[in-house]
């Protein structure tokens, strides 16, 4: 299983799909909060994480949120089949 820092995963998926931070964060959190999440400076709560993943078209069943706190406070997730999705 592959492991990704959640902010990196969100940023890479957002950019790959051609969305701005404003588009992804609209109605979920502020663009500044999304920027901090993407840069690993803020850990999203479960609700915000779920909504961001939904906005990016990522189903929780695909991403299969094996979420845990990393040693340095970063939120990490492992995909169920070891591949990046998006």
N, C-alpha and C. Protein backbone atom coordinates (compact mmCIF):
# COMPACT_ATOMS: atom_id res chain seq x y z
N UNK A 1 0.83 -1.19 0.00
CA UNK A 1 0.00 0.00 0.00
C UNK A 1 0.88 1.25 0.00
N UNK A 2 0.53 2.18 -0.85
CA UNK A 2 1.27 3.43 -0.93
C UNK A 2 0.76 4.39 0.15
N UNK A 3 1.64 5.25 0.62
CA UNK A 3 1.27 6.23 1.64
C UNK A 3 1.55 7.62 1.09
N UNK A 4 0.61 8.53 1.28
CA UNK A 4 0.74 9.90 0.78
C UNK A 4 0.40 10.88 1.89
N UNK A 5 1.10 12.00 1.92
CA UNK A 5 0.70 13.10 2.79
C UNK A 5 -0.56 13.68 2.17
N UNK A 6 -1.60 13.83 2.96
CA UNK A 6 -2.92 14.20 2.43
C UNK A 6 -2.89 15.52 1.66
N UNK A 7 -2.14 16.50 2.14
CA UNK A 7 -2.07 17.79 1.44
C UNK A 7 -1.46 17.65 0.06
N UNK A 8 -0.42 16.83 -0.05
CA UNK A 8 0.20 16.59 -1.36
C UNK A 8 -0.79 15.93 -2.30
N UNK A 9 -1.52 14.94 -1.78
CA UNK A 9 -2.49 14.23 -2.59
C UNK A 9 -3.59 15.17 -3.09
N UNK A 10 -4.09 16.03 -2.20
CA UNK A 10 -5.14 16.97 -2.58
C UNK A 10 -4.62 17.95 -3.62
N UNK A 11 -3.43 18.52 -3.40
CA UNK A 11 -2.86 19.47 -4.34
C UNK A 11 -2.64 18.83 -5.71
N UNK A 12 -2.02 17.65 -5.73
CA UNK A 12 -1.73 16.98 -7.00
C UNK A 12 -3.02 16.66 -7.76
N UNK A 13 -4.02 16.20 -7.04
CA UNK A 13 -5.30 15.88 -7.67
C UNK A 13 -5.97 17.14 -8.19
N UNK A 14 -5.96 18.20 -7.39
CA UNK A 14 -6.57 19.48 -7.80
C UNK A 14 -5.92 20.02 -9.06
N UNK A 15 -4.60 20.03 -9.10
CA UNK A 15 -3.87 20.55 -10.25
C UNK A 15 -4.11 19.68 -11.48
N UNK A 16 -4.05 18.38 -11.29
CA UNK A 16 -4.25 17.45 -12.41
C UNK A 16 -5.64 17.63 -13.03
N UNK A 17 -6.63 17.96 -12.20
CA UNK A 17 -7.99 18.13 -12.70
C UNK A 17 -8.27 19.57 -13.16
N UNK A 18 -7.30 20.46 -12.97
CA UNK A 18 -7.42 21.82 -13.47
C UNK A 18 -8.25 22.76 -12.62
N UNK A 19 -8.40 22.46 -11.33
CA UNK A 19 -9.17 23.30 -10.42
C UNK A 19 -8.27 24.30 -9.71
N UNK A 20 -8.83 25.45 -9.38
CA UNK A 20 -8.13 26.41 -8.54
C UNK A 20 -8.44 26.09 -7.08
N UNK A 21 -7.68 26.67 -6.18
CA UNK A 21 -7.97 26.49 -4.75
C UNK A 21 -9.33 27.08 -4.42
N UNK A 22 -9.69 28.18 -5.07
CA UNK A 22 -10.98 28.81 -4.82
C UNK A 22 -12.13 27.88 -5.22
N UNK A 23 -11.99 27.21 -6.36
CA UNK A 23 -13.05 26.30 -6.82
C UNK A 23 -13.21 25.10 -5.89
N UNK A 24 -12.10 24.54 -5.46
CA UNK A 24 -12.16 23.35 -4.61
C UNK A 24 -12.68 23.69 -3.22
N UNK A 25 -12.27 24.83 -2.68
CA UNK A 25 -12.61 25.17 -1.30
C UNK A 25 -13.99 25.82 -1.15
N UNK A 26 -14.60 26.28 -2.24
CA UNK A 26 -15.85 27.02 -2.18
C UNK A 26 -16.92 26.28 -1.37
N UNK A 27 -17.40 26.93 -0.31
CA UNK A 27 -18.45 26.38 0.53
C UNK A 27 -17.97 25.32 1.51
N UNK A 28 -16.67 25.01 1.49
CA UNK A 28 -16.12 23.98 2.38
C UNK A 28 -15.20 24.61 3.42
N UNK A 29 -14.26 25.39 2.94
CA UNK A 29 -13.30 26.09 3.80
C UNK A 29 -12.80 27.29 3.01
N UNK A 30 -11.96 28.09 3.61
CA UNK A 30 -11.43 29.24 2.88
C UNK A 30 -10.29 28.77 1.97
N UNK A 31 -10.02 29.51 0.89
CA UNK A 31 -8.86 29.17 0.05
C UNK A 31 -7.56 29.18 0.86
N UNK A 32 -7.47 30.06 1.86
CA UNK A 32 -6.27 30.10 2.70
C UNK A 32 -6.13 28.80 3.51
N UNK A 33 -7.26 28.27 4.00
CA UNK A 33 -7.22 27.00 4.73
C UNK A 33 -6.79 25.87 3.81
N UNK A 34 -7.32 25.84 2.59
CA UNK A 34 -6.93 24.81 1.64
C UNK A 34 -5.44 24.90 1.33
N UNK A 35 -4.94 26.12 1.19
CA UNK A 35 -3.51 26.31 0.95
C UNK A 35 -2.69 25.74 2.10
N UNK A 36 -3.12 26.01 3.34
CA UNK A 36 -2.39 25.48 4.50
C UNK A 36 -2.47 23.96 4.55
N UNK A 37 -3.62 23.39 4.18
CA UNK A 37 -3.76 21.93 4.14
C UNK A 37 -2.81 21.35 3.10
N UNK A 38 -2.80 21.94 1.91
CA UNK A 38 -1.94 21.45 0.83
C UNK A 38 -0.46 21.55 1.18
N UNK A 39 -0.11 22.54 1.97
CA UNK A 39 1.29 22.75 2.34
C UNK A 39 1.67 22.06 3.65
N UNK A 40 0.75 21.29 4.21
CA UNK A 40 1.04 20.54 5.43
C UNK A 40 1.08 21.37 6.69
N UNK A 41 0.53 22.57 6.65
CA UNK A 41 0.55 23.46 7.80
C UNK A 41 -0.74 23.38 8.61
N UNK A 42 -1.75 22.69 8.08
CA UNK A 42 -3.04 22.55 8.76
C UNK A 42 -3.57 21.16 8.46
N UNK A 43 -4.11 20.50 9.46
CA UNK A 43 -4.70 19.18 9.29
C UNK A 43 -6.21 19.33 9.18
N UNK A 44 -6.81 18.84 8.09
CA UNK A 44 -8.26 18.99 7.95
C UNK A 44 -8.99 18.03 8.87
N UNK A 45 -10.14 18.48 9.37
CA UNK A 45 -11.00 17.57 10.12
C UNK A 45 -11.66 16.59 9.16
N UNK A 46 -12.29 15.59 9.70
CA UNK A 46 -12.90 14.56 8.86
C UNK A 46 -13.95 15.13 7.91
N UNK A 47 -14.79 16.04 8.39
CA UNK A 47 -15.84 16.62 7.54
C UNK A 47 -15.23 17.36 6.35
N UNK A 48 -14.26 18.22 6.63
CA UNK A 48 -13.63 18.99 5.56
C UNK A 48 -12.90 18.06 4.60
N UNK A 49 -12.18 17.07 5.12
CA UNK A 49 -11.49 16.12 4.26
C UNK A 49 -12.49 15.40 3.36
N UNK A 50 -13.59 14.93 3.92
CA UNK A 50 -14.61 14.24 3.12
C UNK A 50 -15.15 15.15 2.02
N UNK A 51 -15.45 16.40 2.36
CA UNK A 51 -16.01 17.34 1.38
C UNK A 51 -14.99 17.68 0.29
N UNK A 52 -13.73 17.88 0.67
CA UNK A 52 -12.70 18.17 -0.34
C UNK A 52 -12.54 16.99 -1.29
N UNK A 53 -12.50 15.78 -0.73
CA UNK A 53 -12.35 14.58 -1.56
C UNK A 53 -13.56 14.43 -2.49
N UNK A 54 -14.75 14.71 -1.97
CA UNK A 54 -15.96 14.65 -2.80
C UNK A 54 -15.88 15.67 -3.93
N UNK A 55 -15.47 16.89 -3.61
CA UNK A 55 -15.36 17.96 -4.62
C UNK A 55 -14.35 17.57 -5.71
N UNK A 56 -13.32 16.86 -5.32
CA UNK A 56 -12.30 16.43 -6.29
C UNK A 56 -12.69 15.15 -7.02
N UNK A 57 -13.88 14.63 -6.70
CA UNK A 57 -14.36 13.43 -7.37
C UNK A 57 -13.75 12.15 -6.86
N UNK A 58 -13.23 12.19 -5.64
CA UNK A 58 -12.59 11.01 -5.06
C UNK A 58 -13.54 10.40 -4.04
N UNK A 59 -13.97 9.19 -4.31
CA UNK A 59 -14.85 8.49 -3.38
C UNK A 59 -14.03 7.98 -2.21
N UNK A 60 -14.60 8.03 -1.02
CA UNK A 60 -13.90 7.51 0.14
C UNK A 60 -13.60 6.03 -0.01
N UNK A 61 -14.47 5.31 -0.73
CA UNK A 61 -14.22 3.89 -0.91
C UNK A 61 -12.99 3.66 -1.79
N UNK A 62 -12.75 4.56 -2.74
CA UNK A 62 -11.57 4.46 -3.59
C UNK A 62 -10.33 4.85 -2.79
N UNK A 63 -10.42 5.96 -2.11
CA UNK A 63 -9.29 6.47 -1.33
C UNK A 63 -9.13 5.66 -0.06
N UNK A 64 -10.20 5.02 0.35
CA UNK A 64 -10.29 4.18 1.55
C UNK A 64 -9.48 4.75 2.69
N UNK A 65 -10.07 5.66 3.36
CA UNK A 65 -9.38 6.52 4.30
C UNK A 65 -8.81 5.76 5.49
N UNK A 66 -7.67 5.14 5.25
CA UNK A 66 -6.86 4.58 6.32
C UNK A 66 -6.06 5.76 6.83
N UNK A 67 -6.72 6.67 7.52
CA UNK A 67 -6.09 7.93 7.90
C UNK A 67 -5.50 7.82 9.29
N UNK A 68 -4.32 8.38 9.44
CA UNK A 68 -3.68 8.40 10.75
C UNK A 68 -2.82 9.65 10.84
N UNK A 69 -2.49 10.01 12.05
CA UNK A 69 -1.57 11.11 12.27
C UNK A 69 -0.16 10.62 12.07
N UNK A 70 0.59 11.31 11.23
CA UNK A 70 1.99 10.99 11.04
C UNK A 70 2.78 11.45 12.25
N UNK A 71 4.01 11.03 12.35
CA UNK A 71 4.85 11.38 13.47
C UNK A 71 5.05 12.87 13.63
N UNK A 72 5.00 13.61 12.52
CA UNK A 72 5.21 15.06 12.59
C UNK A 72 3.89 15.82 12.54
N UNK A 73 2.77 15.15 12.82
CA UNK A 73 1.48 15.82 12.84
C UNK A 73 0.79 15.88 11.49
N UNK A 74 1.43 15.35 10.44
CA UNK A 74 0.79 15.37 9.14
C UNK A 74 -0.22 14.24 9.03
N UNK A 75 -1.27 14.49 8.30
CA UNK A 75 -2.28 13.47 8.07
C UNK A 75 -1.84 12.66 6.86
N UNK A 76 -1.80 11.35 7.02
CA UNK A 76 -1.39 10.48 5.93
C UNK A 76 -2.52 9.54 5.59
N UNK A 77 -2.56 9.12 4.36
CA UNK A 77 -3.58 8.17 3.93
C UNK A 77 -2.94 7.14 3.04
N UNK A 78 -3.43 5.91 3.15
CA UNK A 78 -2.96 4.84 2.29
C UNK A 78 -4.10 4.43 1.38
N UNK A 79 -3.77 4.22 0.13
CA UNK A 79 -4.78 3.73 -0.78
C UNK A 79 -4.91 2.24 -0.62
N UNK A 80 -6.08 1.72 -0.92
CA UNK A 80 -6.36 0.31 -0.73
C UNK A 80 -5.57 -0.61 -1.64
N UNK A 81 -5.22 -0.15 -2.85
CA UNK A 81 -4.52 -1.04 -3.77
C UNK A 81 -3.10 -0.58 -4.09
N UNK A 82 -2.60 0.42 -3.35
CA UNK A 82 -1.22 0.85 -3.52
C UNK A 82 -1.01 1.78 -4.69
N UNK A 83 -2.07 2.22 -5.36
CA UNK A 83 -1.93 3.12 -6.50
C UNK A 83 -2.52 4.48 -6.17
N UNK A 84 -1.94 5.51 -6.80
CA UNK A 84 -2.54 6.84 -6.67
C UNK A 84 -3.83 6.85 -7.48
N UNK A 85 -4.80 7.57 -6.98
CA UNK A 85 -6.08 7.67 -7.67
C UNK A 85 -6.34 9.12 -8.02
N UNK A 86 -7.10 9.33 -9.06
CA UNK A 86 -7.49 10.68 -9.37
C UNK A 86 -7.69 10.96 -10.79
